[in-house]
């Protein structure tokens, strides 16, 4: 995870890849340590239909040779840190269902 304004601020973060999750959730203490600016908040619905509000920001995510700017959710204490499908697509990656590894995807420009 990299601060897009101050690239010298970076940290390796372990995230669970979840193709069912739209957004990437990173613990807020990590994003705060990187000085990622909060750019607003959004209301989300949990799987048990509870509505919760979380702050959002923009970070740079790097995985192997792939780099992308992406929205990140400031995760609270009980939020699971995940790499969501939007970030995967921005990185040009997909999950191989057989090997369960990330691999480059075909990118279409239409």
PDB file of N, CA and C in Angstrom:
ATOM      1  N   UNK A   1       0.869  -1.155   0.000  1.00  0.00           N
ATOM      2  CA  UNK A   1       0.000   0.000   0.000  1.00  0.00           C
ATOM      3  C   UNK A   1       0.918   1.220   0.000  1.00  0.00           C
ATOM      4  N   UNK A   2       0.608   2.187  -0.855  1.00  0.00           N
ATOM      5  CA  UNK A   2       1.453   3.371  -1.025  1.00  0.00           C
ATOM      6  C   UNK A   2       0.579   4.621  -0.981  1.00  0.00           C
ATOM      7  N   UNK A   3       1.094   5.660  -0.330  1.00  0.00           N
ATOM      8  CA  UNK A   3       0.433   6.950  -0.342  1.00  0.00           C
ATOM      9  C   UNK A   3       0.707   7.586  -1.710  1.00  0.00           C
ATOM     10  N   UNK A   4      -0.336   7.916  -2.490  1.00  0.00           N
ATOM     11  CA  UNK A   4      -0.107   8.456  -3.836  1.00  0.00           C
ATOM     12  C   UNK A   4       0.539   9.831  -3.854  1.00  0.00           C
ATOM     13  N   UNK A   5       0.402  10.580  -2.760  1.00  0.00           N
ATOM     14  CA  UNK A   5       0.988  11.918  -2.679  1.00  0.00           C
ATOM     15  C   UNK A   5       2.417  11.863  -2.161  1.00  0.00           C
ATOM     16  N   UNK A   6       2.691  10.896  -1.286  1.00  0.00           N
ATOM     17  CA  UNK A   6       4.024  10.720  -0.694  1.00  0.00           C
ATOM     18  C   UNK A   6       4.448   9.265  -0.882  1.00  0.00           C
ATOM     19  N   UNK A   7       4.941   8.904  -2.080  1.00  0.00           N
ATOM     20  CA  UNK A   7       5.250   7.495  -2.359  1.00  0.00           C
ATOM     21  C   UNK A   7       6.291   6.865  -1.435  1.00  0.00           C
ATOM     22  N   UNK A   8       7.042   7.703  -0.727  1.00  0.00           N
ATOM     23  CA  UNK A   8       8.007   7.138   0.221  1.00  0.00           C
ATOM     24  C   UNK A   8       7.296   6.503   1.426  1.00  0.00           C
ATOM     25  N   UNK A   9       6.018   6.826   1.594  1.00  0.00           N
ATOM     26  CA  UNK A   9       5.209   6.216   2.655  1.00  0.00           C
ATOM     27  C   UNK A   9       4.539   4.972   2.076  1.00  0.00           C
ATOM     28  N   UNK A  10       5.063   3.817   2.439  1.00  0.00           N
ATOM     29  CA  UNK A  10       4.501   2.566   1.925  1.00  0.00           C
ATOM     30  C   UNK A  10       4.608   1.483   2.988  1.00  0.00           C
ATOM     31  N   UNK A  11       3.773   0.487   2.852  1.00  0.00           N
ATOM     32  CA  UNK A  11       3.788  -0.632   3.797  1.00  0.00           C
ATOM     33  C   UNK A  11       3.227  -1.869   3.109  1.00  0.00           C
ATOM     34  N   UNK A  12       3.832  -3.004   3.403  1.00  0.00           N
ATOM     35  CA  UNK A  12       3.309  -4.276   2.921  1.00  0.00           C
ATOM     36  C   UNK A  12       2.105  -4.644   3.781  1.00  0.00           C
ATOM     37  N   UNK A  13       1.004  -4.995   3.117  1.00  0.00           N
ATOM     38  CA  UNK A  13      -0.240  -5.306   3.815  1.00  0.00           C
ATOM     39  C   UNK A  13      -0.755  -6.648   3.311  1.00  0.00           C
ATOM     40  N   UNK A  14      -1.128  -7.527   4.239  1.00  0.00           N
ATOM     41  CA  UNK A  14      -1.746  -8.797   3.856  1.00  0.00           C
ATOM     42  C   UNK A  14      -3.253  -8.618   3.794  1.00  0.00           C
ATOM     43  N   UNK A  15      -3.822  -8.976   2.632  1.00  0.00           N
ATOM     44  CA  UNK A  15      -5.264  -8.869   2.423  1.00  0.00           C
ATOM     45  C   UNK A  15      -5.785 -10.190   1.888  1.00  0.00           C
ATOM     46  N   UNK A  16      -7.006 -10.526   2.234  1.00  0.00           N
ATOM     47  CA  UNK A  16      -7.668 -11.696   1.678  1.00  0.00           C
ATOM     48  C   UNK A  16      -8.301 -11.275   0.353  1.00  0.00           C
ATOM     49  N   UNK A  17      -8.037 -12.023  -0.710  1.00  0.00           N
ATOM     50  CA  UNK A  17      -8.659 -11.731  -1.998  1.00  0.00           C
ATOM     51  C   UNK A  17     -10.095 -12.231  -1.948  1.00  0.00           C
ATOM     52  N   UNK A  18     -11.026 -11.328  -2.237  1.00  0.00           N
ATOM     53  CA  UNK A  18     -12.453 -11.663  -2.176  1.00  0.00           C
ATOM     54  C   UNK A  18     -13.141 -11.103  -3.408  1.00  0.00           C
ATOM     55  N   UNK A  19     -13.416 -11.985  -4.372  1.00  0.00           N
ATOM     56  CA  UNK A  19     -14.064 -11.532  -5.613  1.00  0.00           C
ATOM     57  C   UNK A  19     -15.528 -11.184  -5.392  1.00  0.00           C
ATOM     58  N   UNK A  20     -16.060 -11.479  -4.217  1.00  0.00           N
ATOM     59  CA  UNK A  20     -17.421 -11.080  -3.880  1.00  0.00           C
ATOM     60  C   UNK A  20     -17.481  -9.707  -3.241  1.00  0.00           C
ATOM     61  N   UNK A  21     -16.318  -9.171  -2.884  1.00  0.00           N
ATOM     62  CA  UNK A  21     -16.251  -7.835  -2.285  1.00  0.00           C
ATOM     63  C   UNK A  21     -15.936  -6.821  -3.374  1.00  0.00           C
ATOM     64  N   UNK A  22     -16.670  -5.743  -3.406  1.00  0.00           N
ATOM     65  CA  UNK A  22     -16.444  -4.712  -4.420  1.00  0.00           C
ATOM     66  C   UNK A  22     -15.206  -3.894  -4.084  1.00  0.00           C
ATOM     67  N   UNK A  23     -15.095  -3.457  -2.829  1.00  0.00           N
ATOM     68  CA  UNK A  23     -14.023  -2.540  -2.437  1.00  0.00           C
ATOM     69  C   UNK A  23     -12.931  -3.231  -1.631  1.00  0.00           C
ATOM     70  N   UNK A  24     -11.801  -2.566  -1.545  1.00  0.00           N
ATOM     71  CA  UNK A  24     -10.684  -3.032  -0.740  1.00  0.00           C
ATOM     72  C   UNK A  24     -10.770  -2.384   0.637  1.00  0.00           C
ATOM     73  N   UNK A  25     -10.649  -3.213   1.671  1.00  0.00           N
ATOM     74  CA  UNK A  25     -10.714  -2.747   3.052  1.00  0.00           C
ATOM     75  C   UNK A  25      -9.338  -2.934   3.682  1.00  0.00           C
ATOM     76  N   UNK A  26      -8.807  -1.852   4.229  1.00  0.00           N
ATOM     77  CA  UNK A  26      -7.498  -1.869   4.882  1.00  0.00           C
ATOM     78  C   UNK A  26      -7.696  -1.325   6.297  1.00  0.00           C
ATOM     79  N   UNK A  27      -7.068  -1.957   7.297  1.00  0.00           N
ATOM     80  CA  UNK A  27      -7.208  -1.428   8.657  1.00  0.00           C
ATOM     81  C   UNK A  27      -6.863   0.056   8.715  1.00  0.00           C
ATOM     82  N   UNK A  28      -7.709   0.816   9.400  1.00  0.00           N
ATOM     83  CA  UNK A  28      -7.540   2.268   9.418  1.00  0.00           C
ATOM     84  C   UNK A  28      -6.214   2.695  10.023  1.00  0.00           C
ATOM     85  N   UNK A  29      -5.670   1.921  10.982  1.00  0.00           N
ATOM     86  CA  UNK A  29      -4.395   2.326  11.572  1.00  0.00           C
ATOM     87  C   UNK A  29      -3.265   2.285  10.554  1.00  0.00           C
ATOM     88  N   UNK A  30      -3.336   1.363   9.596  1.00  0.00           N
ATOM     89  CA  UNK A  30      -2.329   1.306   8.531  1.00  0.00           C
ATOM     90  C   UNK A  30      -2.480   2.504   7.602  1.00  0.00           C
ATOM     91  N   UNK A  31      -3.721   2.790   7.188  1.00  0.00           N
ATOM     92  CA  UNK A  31      -3.944   3.930   6.294  1.00  0.00           C
ATOM     93  C   UNK A  31      -3.582   5.243   6.977  1.00  0.00           C
ATOM     94  N   UNK A  32      -3.869   5.355   8.258  1.00  0.00           N
ATOM     95  CA  UNK A  32      -3.508   6.564   8.998  1.00  0.00           C
ATOM     96  C   UNK A  32      -1.990   6.700   9.111  1.00  0.00           C
ATOM     97  N   UNK A  33      -1.282   5.592   9.337  1.00  0.00           N
ATOM     98  CA  UNK A  33       0.182   5.629   9.417  1.00  0.00           C
ATOM     99  C   UNK A  33       0.797   6.049   8.085  1.00  0.00           C
ATOM    100  N   UNK A  34       0.139   5.662   6.988  1.00  0.00           N
ATOM    101  CA  UNK A  34       0.602   6.054   5.651  1.00  0.00           C
ATOM    102  C   UNK A  34       0.173   7.469   5.283  1.00  0.00           C
ATOM    103  N   UNK A  35      -0.620   8.102   6.157  1.00  0.00           N
ATOM    104  CA  UNK A  35      -1.138   9.454   5.915  1.00  0.00           C
ATOM    105  C   UNK A  35      -2.035   9.510   4.669  1.00  0.00           C
ATOM    106  N   UNK A  36      -2.811   8.440   4.455  1.00  0.00           N
ATOM    107  CA  UNK A  36      -3.796   8.434   3.378  1.00  0.00           C
ATOM    108  C   UNK A  36      -4.935   9.356   3.803  1.00  0.00           C
ATOM    109  N   UNK A  37      -5.259  10.326   2.957  1.00  0.00           N
ATOM    110  CA  UNK A  37      -6.325  11.275   3.265  1.00  0.00           C
ATOM    111  C   UNK A  37      -7.695  10.614   3.171  1.00  0.00           C
ATOM    112  N   UNK A  38      -8.556  10.955   4.114  1.00  0.00           N
ATOM    113  CA  UNK A  38      -9.958  10.554   4.004  1.00  0.00           C
ATOM    114  C   UNK A  38     -10.601  11.476   2.971  1.00  0.00           C
ATOM    115  N   UNK A  39     -11.331  10.898   2.031  1.00  0.00           N
ATOM    116  CA  UNK A  39     -11.940  11.663   0.949  1.00  0.00           C
ATOM    117  C   UNK A  39     -13.460  11.631   1.013  1.00  0.00           C
ATOM    118  N   UNK A  40     -13.980  11.237   2.156  1.00  0.00           N
ATOM    119  CA  UNK A  40     -15.423  11.150   2.319  1.00  0.00           C
ATOM    120  C   UNK A  40     -15.784   9.860   3.012  1.00  0.00           C
ATOM    121  N   UNK A  41     -17.065   9.538   2.977  1.00  0.00           N
ATOM    122  CA  UNK A  41     -17.522   8.284   3.575  1.00  0.00           C
ATOM    123  C   UNK A  41     -18.671   7.735   2.742  1.00  0.00           C
ATOM    124  N   UNK A  42     -18.930   6.467   2.935  1.00  0.00           N
ATOM    125  CA  UNK A  42     -20.031   5.799   2.246  1.00  0.00           C
ATOM    126  C   UNK A  42     -20.735   4.877   3.217  1.00  0.00           C
ATOM    127  N   UNK A  43     -21.995   4.610   2.928  1.00  0.00           N
ATOM    128  CA  UNK A  43     -22.779   3.681   3.732  1.00  0.00           C
ATOM    129  C   UNK A  43     -22.784   2.341   3.005  1.00  0.00           C
ATOM    130  N   UNK A  44     -22.496   1.286   3.762  1.00  0.00           N
ATOM    131  CA  UNK A  44     -22.453  -0.073   3.219  1.00  0.00           C
ATOM    132  C   UNK A  44     -23.455  -0.931   3.971  1.00  0.00           C
ATOM    133  N   UNK A  45     -23.858  -2.021   3.334  1.00  0.00           N
ATOM    134  CA  UNK A  45     -24.736  -2.981   3.997  1.00  0.00           C
ATOM    135  C   UNK A  45     -23.945  -4.259   4.212  1.00  0.00           C
ATOM    136  N   UNK A  46     -23.979  -4.785   5.439  1.00  0.00           N
ATOM    137  CA  UNK A  46     -23.281  -6.026   5.739  1.00  0.00           C
ATOM    138  C   UNK A  46     -24.135  -7.213   5.278  1.00  0.00           C
ATOM    139  N   UNK A  47     -23.556  -8.403   5.362  1.00  0.00           N
ATOM    140  CA  UNK A  47     -24.302  -9.597   4.937  1.00  0.00           C
ATOM    141  C   UNK A  47     -25.530  -9.844   5.809  1.00  0.00           C
ATOM    142  N   UNK A  48     -25.533  -9.334   7.041  1.00  0.00           N
ATOM    143  CA  UNK A  48     -26.715  -9.495   7.899  1.00  0.00           C
ATOM    144  C   UNK A  48     -27.647  -8.278   7.831  1.00  0.00           C
ATOM    145  N   UNK A  49     -27.506  -7.496   6.746  1.00  0.00           N
ATOM    146  CA  UNK A  49     -28.400  -6.367   6.435  1.00  0.00           C
ATOM    147  C   UNK A  49     -28.206  -5.138   7.320  1.00  0.00           C
ATOM    148  N   UNK A  50     -27.153  -5.118   8.122  1.00  0.00           N
ATOM    149  CA  UNK A  50     -26.859  -3.951   8.959  1.00  0.00           C
ATOM    150  C   UNK A  50     -26.212  -2.874   8.091  1.00  0.00           C
ATOM    151  N   UNK A  51     -26.604  -1.614   8.301  1.00  0.00           N
ATOM    152  CA  UNK A  51     -25.997  -0.494   7.566  1.00  0.00           C
ATOM    153  C   UNK A  51     -24.871   0.083   8.424  1.00  0.00           C
ATOM    154  N   UNK A  52     -23.692   0.245   7.794  1.00  0.00           N
ATOM    155  CA  UNK A  52     -22.545   0.815   8.483  1.00  0.00           C
ATOM    156  C   UNK A  52     -21.917   1.879   7.594  1.00  0.00           C
ATOM    157  N   UNK A  53     -21.295   2.850   8.207  1.00  0.00           N
ATOM    158  CA  UNK A  53     -20.636   3.918   7.457  1.00  0.00           C
ATOM    159  C   UNK A  53     -19.136   3.794   7.661  1.00  0.00           C
ATOM    160  N   UNK A  54     -18.391   3.929   6.573  1.00  0.00           N
ATOM    161  CA  UNK A  54     -16.943   3.856   6.636  1.00  0.00           C
ATOM    162  C   UNK A  54     -16.341   4.989   5.817  1.00  0.00           C
ATOM    163  N   UNK A  55     -15.205   5.503   6.290  1.00  0.00           N
ATOM    164  CA  UNK A  55     -14.455   6.501   5.537  1.00  0.00           C
ATOM    165  C   UNK A  55     -13.769   5.830   4.360  1.00  0.00           C
ATOM    166  N   UNK A  56     -13.549   6.628   3.290  1.00  0.00           N
ATOM    167  CA  UNK A  56     -12.840   6.120   2.117  1.00  0.00           C
ATOM    168  C   UNK A  56     -11.683   7.049   1.787  1.00  0.00           C
ATOM    169  N   UNK A  57     -10.695   6.492   1.111  1.00  0.00           N
ATOM    170  CA  UNK A  57      -9.547   7.257   0.645  1.00  0.00           C
ATOM    171  C   UNK A  57      -9.043   6.646  -0.650  1.00  0.00           C
ATOM    172  N   UNK A  58      -7.944   7.182  -1.129  1.00  0.00           N
ATOM    173  CA  UNK A  58      -7.336   6.674  -2.362  1.00  0.00           C
ATOM    174  C   UNK A  58      -5.900   6.299  -2.052  1.00  0.00           C
ATOM    175  N   UNK A  59      -5.517   5.081  -2.466  1.00  0.00           N
ATOM    176  CA  UNK A  59      -4.152   4.600  -2.253  1.00  0.00           C
ATOM    177  C   UNK A  59      -3.656   3.949  -3.539  1.00  0.00           C
ATOM    178  N   UNK A  60      -2.366   3.753  -3.596  1.00  0.00           N
ATOM    179  CA  UNK A  60      -1.766   2.994  -4.688  1.00  0.00           C
ATOM    180  C   UNK A  60      -1.509   1.590  -4.159  1.00  0.00           C
ATOM    181  N   UNK A  61      -1.919   0.590  -4.938  1.00  0.00           N
ATOM    182  CA  UNK A  61      -1.709  -0.799  -4.580  1.00  0.00           C
ATOM    183  C   UNK A  61      -0.737  -1.408  -5.583  1.00  0.00           C
ATOM    184  N   UNK A  62       0.227  -2.149  -5.066  1.00  0.00           N
ATOM    185  CA  UNK A  62       1.199  -2.829  -5.917  1.00  0.00           C
ATOM    186  C   UNK A  62       1.170  -4.318  -5.601  1.00  0.00           C
ATOM    187  N   UNK A  63       1.149  -5.137  -6.646  1.00  0.00           N
ATOM    188  CA  UNK A  63       1.251  -6.581  -6.483  1.00  0.00           C
ATOM    189  C   UNK A  63       2.108  -7.099  -7.622  1.00  0.00           C
ATOM    190  N   UNK A  64       3.263  -7.659  -7.273  1.00  0.00           N
ATOM    191  CA  UNK A  64       4.252  -8.073  -8.265  1.00  0.00           C
ATOM    192  C   UNK A  64       4.547  -6.888  -9.181  1.00  0.00           C
ATOM    193  N   UNK A  65       4.289  -7.020 -10.487  1.00  0.00           N
ATOM    194  CA  UNK A  65       4.572  -5.915 -11.420  1.00  0.00           C
ATOM    195  C   UNK A  65       3.367  -5.019 -11.675  1.00  0.00           C
ATOM    196  N   UNK A  66       2.230  -5.322 -11.052  1.00  0.00           N
ATOM    197  CA  UNK A  66       1.005  -4.553 -11.283  1.00  0.00           C
ATOM    198  C   UNK A  66       0.895  -3.413 -10.274  1.00  0.00           C
ATOM    199  N   UNK A  67       0.510  -2.237 -10.768  1.00  0.00           N
ATOM    200  CA  UNK A  67       0.347  -1.051  -9.927  1.00  0.00           C
ATOM    201  C   UNK A  67      -0.946  -0.355 -10.331  1.00  0.00           C
ATOM    202  N   UNK A  68      -1.722   0.094  -9.328  1.00  0.00           N
ATOM    203  CA  UNK A  68      -2.963   0.809  -9.632  1.00  0.00           C
ATOM    204  C   UNK A  68      -3.349   1.711  -8.476  1.00  0.00           C
ATOM    205  N   UNK A  69      -3.957   2.836  -8.805  1.00  0.00           N
ATOM    206  CA  UNK A  69      -4.604   3.673  -7.800  1.00  0.00           C
ATOM    207  C   UNK A  69      -6.002   3.124  -7.577  1.00  0.00           C
ATOM    208  N   UNK A  70      -6.454   3.113  -6.330  1.00  0.00           N
ATOM    209  CA  UNK A  70      -7.758   2.524  -6.042  1.00  0.00           C
ATOM    210  C   UNK A  70      -8.384   3.147  -4.801  1.00  0.00           C
ATOM    211  N   UNK A  71      -9.702   3.089  -4.724  1.00  0.00           N
ATOM    212  CA  UNK A  71     -10.390   3.493  -3.501  1.00  0.00           C
ATOM    213  C   UNK A  71     -10.149   2.439  -2.431  1.00  0.00           C
ATOM    214  N   UNK A  72      -9.936   2.897  -1.199  1.00  0.00           N
ATOM    215  CA  UNK A  72      -9.780   1.985  -0.076  1.00  0.00           C
ATOM    216  C   UNK A  72     -10.712   2.410   1.046  1.00  0.00           C
ATOM    217  N   UNK A  73     -11.224   1.427   1.750  1.00  0.00           N
ATOM    218  CA  UNK A  73     -12.100   1.662   2.886  1.00  0.00           C
ATOM    219  C   UNK A  73     -11.255   1.620   4.154  1.00  0.00           C
ATOM    220  N   UNK A  74     -11.455   2.595   5.039  1.00  0.00           N
ATOM    221  CA  UNK A  74     -10.779   2.618   6.332  1.00  0.00           C
ATOM    222  C   UNK A  74     -11.471   1.595   7.229  1.00  0.00           C
ATOM    223  N   UNK A  75     -10.870   0.414   7.339  1.00  0.00           N
ATOM    224  CA  UNK A  75     -11.468  -0.675   8.099  1.00  0.00           C
ATOM    225  C   UNK A  75     -11.442  -0.442   9.594  1.00  0.00           C
ATOM    226  N   UNK A  76     -12.533  -0.796  10.229  1.00  0.00           N
ATOM    227  CA  UNK A  76     -12.645  -0.712  11.692  1.00  0.00           C
ATOM    228  C   UNK A  76     -12.172  -2.025  12.309  1.00  0.00           C
ATOM    229  N   UNK A  77     -12.183  -2.093  13.630  1.00  0.00           N
ATOM    230  CA  UNK A  77     -11.598  -3.211  14.370  1.00  0.00           C
ATOM    231  C   UNK A  77     -12.076  -4.591  13.908  1.00  0.00           C
ATOM    232  N   UNK A  78     -13.359  -4.772  13.675  1.00  0.00           N
ATOM    233  CA  UNK A  78     -13.887  -6.091  13.308  1.00  0.00           C
ATOM    234  C   UNK A  78     -14.026  -6.312  11.803  1.00  0.00           C
ATOM    235  N   UNK A  79     -13.601  -5.348  10.996  1.00  0.00           N
ATOM    236  CA  UNK A  79     -13.676  -5.504   9.533  1.00  0.00           C
ATOM    237  C   UNK A  79     -12.535  -6.406   9.056  1.00  0.00           C
ATOM    238  N   UNK A  80     -12.849  -7.303   8.147  1.00  0.00           N
ATOM    239  CA  UNK A  80     -11.839  -8.191   7.565  1.00  0.00           C
ATOM    240  C   UNK A  80     -11.102  -7.433   6.468  1.00  0.00           C
ATOM    241  N   UNK A  81      -9.767  -7.396   6.508  1.00  0.00           N
ATOM    242  CA  UNK A  81      -9.005  -6.736   5.438  1.00  0.00           C
ATOM    243  C   UNK A  81      -9.100  -7.557   4.144  1.00  0.00           C
ATOM    244  N   UNK A  82      -9.651  -6.950   3.106  1.00  0.00           N
ATOM    245  CA  UNK A  82      -9.829  -7.675   1.843  1.00  0.00           C
ATOM    246  C   UNK A  82      -9.357  -6.850   0.651  1.00  0.00           C
ATOM    247  N   UNK A  83      -8.942  -7.566  -0.366  1.00  0.00           N
ATOM    248  CA  UNK A  83      -8.644  -6.982  -1.664  1.00  0.00           C
ATOM    249  C   UNK A  83      -9.859  -7.271  -2.529  1.00  0.00           C
ATOM    250  N   UNK A  84     -10.619  -6.232  -2.845  1.00  0.00           N
ATOM    251  CA  UNK A  84     -11.871  -6.408  -3.573  1.00  0.00           C
ATOM    252  C   UNK A  84     -11.691  -6.470  -5.077  1.00  0.00           C
ATOM    253  N   UNK A  85     -12.765  -6.814  -5.749  1.00  0.00           N
ATOM    254  CA  UNK A  85     -12.734  -7.041  -7.190  1.00  0.00           C
ATOM    255  C   UNK A  85     -12.424  -5.768  -7.981  1.00  0.00           C
ATOM    256  N   UNK A  86     -12.836  -4.606  -7.487  1.00  0.00           N
ATOM    257  CA  UNK A  86     -12.523  -3.360  -8.200  1.00  0.00           C
ATOM    258  C   UNK A  86     -11.010  -3.169  -8.278  1.00  0.00           C
ATOM    259  N   UNK A  87     -10.321  -3.377  -7.163  1.00  0.00           N
ATOM    260  CA  UNK A  87      -8.865  -3.241  -7.152  1.00  0.00           C
ATOM    261  C   UNK A  87      -8.219  -4.304  -8.031  1.00  0.00           C
ATOM    262  N   UNK A  88      -8.736  -5.533  -7.980  1.00  0.00           N
ATOM    263  CA  UNK A  88      -8.203  -6.588  -8.853  1.00  0.00           C
ATOM    264  C   UNK A  88      -8.287  -6.169 -10.315  1.00  0.00           C
ATOM    265  N   UNK A  89      -9.434  -5.650 -10.717  1.00  0.00           N
ATOM    266  CA  UNK A  89      -9.610  -5.215 -12.101  1.00  0.00           C
ATOM    267  C   UNK A  89      -8.679  -4.062 -12.432  1.00  0.00           C
ATOM    268  N   UNK A  90      -8.519  -3.127 -11.513  1.00  0.00           N
ATOM    269  CA  UNK A  90      -7.615  -1.994 -11.756  1.00  0.00           C
ATOM    270  C   UNK A  90      -6.171  -2.457 -11.891  1.00  0.00           C
ATOM    271  N   UNK A  91      -5.816  -3.533 -11.186  1.00  0.00           N
ATOM    272  CA  UNK A  91      -4.474  -4.102 -11.290  1.00  0.00           C
ATOM    273  C   UNK A  91      -4.306  -4.968 -12.539  1.00  0.00           C
ATOM    274  N   UNK A  92      -5.421  -5.282 -13.215  1.00  0.00           N
ATOM    275  CA  UNK A  92      -5.365  -6.160 -14.383  1.00  0.00           C
ATOM    276  C   UNK A  92      -5.148  -7.606 -13.992  1.00  0.00           C
ATOM    277  N   UNK A  93      -5.734  -7.990 -12.850  1.00  0.00           N
ATOM    278  CA  UNK A  93      -5.563  -9.348 -12.337  1.00  0.00           C
ATOM    279  C   UNK A  93      -6.906 -10.033 -12.168  1.00  0.00           C
ATOM    280  N   UNK A  94      -6.849 -11.359 -12.151  1.00  0.00           N
ATOM    281  CA  UNK A  94      -8.019 -12.173 -11.860  1.00  0.00           C
ATOM    282  C   UNK A  94      -7.573 -13.387 -11.062  1.00  0.00           C
ATOM    283  N   UNK A  95      -8.529 -14.060 -10.436  1.00  0.00           N
ATOM    284  CA  UNK A  95      -8.218 -15.262  -9.683  1.00  0.00           C
ATOM    285  C   UNK A  95      -8.365 -16.461 -10.615  1.00  0.00           C
ATOM    286  N   UNK A  96      -7.315 -17.266 -10.702  1.00  0.00           N
ATOM    287  CA  UNK A  96      -7.381 -18.526 -11.444  1.00  0.00           C
ATOM    288  C   UNK A  96      -8.159 -19.508 -10.570  1.00  0.00           C
ATOM    289  N   UNK A  97      -9.331 -19.983 -11.029  1.00  0.00           N
ATOM    290  CA  UNK A  97     -10.163 -20.836 -10.175  1.00  0.00           C
ATOM    291  C   UNK A  97      -9.535 -22.203  -9.882  1.00  0.00           C
ATOM    292  N   UNK A  98      -8.608 -22.636 -10.708  1.00  0.00           N
ATOM    293  CA  UNK A  98      -7.983 -23.945 -10.487  1.00  0.00           C
ATOM    294  C   UNK A  98      -6.835 -23.825  -9.482  1.00  0.00           C
ATOM    295  N   UNK A  99      -5.903 -22.895  -9.751  1.00  0.00           N
ATOM    296  CA  UNK A  99      -4.731 -22.755  -8.867  1.00  0.00           C
ATOM    297  C   UNK A  99      -5.007 -21.846  -7.665  1.00  0.00           C
ATOM    298  N   UNK A 100      -6.097 -21.083  -7.738  1.00  0.00           N
ATOM    299  CA  UNK A 100      -6.451 -20.104  -6.701  1.00  0.00           C
ATOM    300  C   UNK A 100      -5.354 -19.062  -6.503  1.00  0.00           C
ATOM    301  N   UNK A 101      -4.649 -18.757  -7.578  1.00  0.00           N
ATOM    302  CA  UNK A 101      -3.602 -17.747  -7.582  1.00  0.00           C
ATOM    303  C   UNK A 101      -4.054 -16.561  -8.425  1.00  0.00           C
ATOM    304  N   UNK A 102      -3.465 -15.386  -8.166  1.00  0.00           N
ATOM    305  CA  UNK A 102      -3.743 -14.232  -9.010  1.00  0.00           C
ATOM    306  C   UNK A 102      -2.919 -14.341 -10.277  1.00  0.00           C
ATOM    307  N   UNK A 103      -3.554 -13.991 -11.386  1.00  0.00           N
ATOM    308  CA  UNK A 103      -2.848 -14.016 -12.666  1.00  0.00           C
ATOM    309  C   UNK A 103      -3.317 -12.839 -13.503  1.00  0.00           C
ATOM    310  N   UNK A 104      -2.498 -12.409 -14.461  1.00  0.00           N
ATOM    311  CA  UNK A 104      -2.921 -11.310 -15.336  1.00  0.00           C
ATOM    312  C   UNK A 104      -4.178 -11.705 -16.112  1.00  0.00           C
ATOM    313  N   UNK A 105      -5.018 -10.723 -16.329  1.00  0.00           N
ATOM    314  CA  UNK A 105      -6.240 -10.955 -17.106  1.00  0.00           C
ATOM    315  C   UNK A 105      -6.115 -10.243 -18.446  1.00  0.00           C
ATOM    316  N   UNK A 106      -6.937 -10.645 -19.377  1.00  0.00           N
ATOM    317  CA  UNK A 106      -6.978  -9.951 -20.670  1.00  0.00           C
ATOM    318  C   UNK A 106      -7.690  -8.622 -20.435  1.00  0.00           C
ATOM    319  N   UNK A 107      -7.057  -7.532 -20.830  1.00  0.00           N
ATOM    320  CA  UNK A 107      -7.653  -6.208 -20.678  1.00  0.00           C
ATOM    321  C   UNK A 107      -8.194  -5.760 -22.025  1.00  0.00           C
ATOM    322  N   UNK A 108      -9.461  -5.420 -22.054  1.00  0.00           N
ATOM    323  CA  UNK A 108     -10.112  -4.974 -23.274  1.00  0.00           C
ATOM    324  C   UNK A 108     -10.254  -3.464 -23.263  1.00  0.00           C
ATOM    325  N   UNK A 109      -9.993  -2.850 -24.380  1.00  0.00           N
ATOM    326  CA  UNK A 109     -10.186  -1.419 -24.529  1.00  0.00           C
ATOM    327  C   UNK A 109     -11.239  -1.245 -25.612  1.00  0.00           C
ATOM    328  N   UNK A 110     -12.443  -0.909 -25.198  1.00  0.00           N
ATOM    329  CA  UNK A 110     -13.554  -0.821 -26.154  1.00  0.00           C
ATOM    330  C   UNK A 110     -13.944   0.619 -26.386  1.00  0.00           C
TER     331      UNK A 110
END
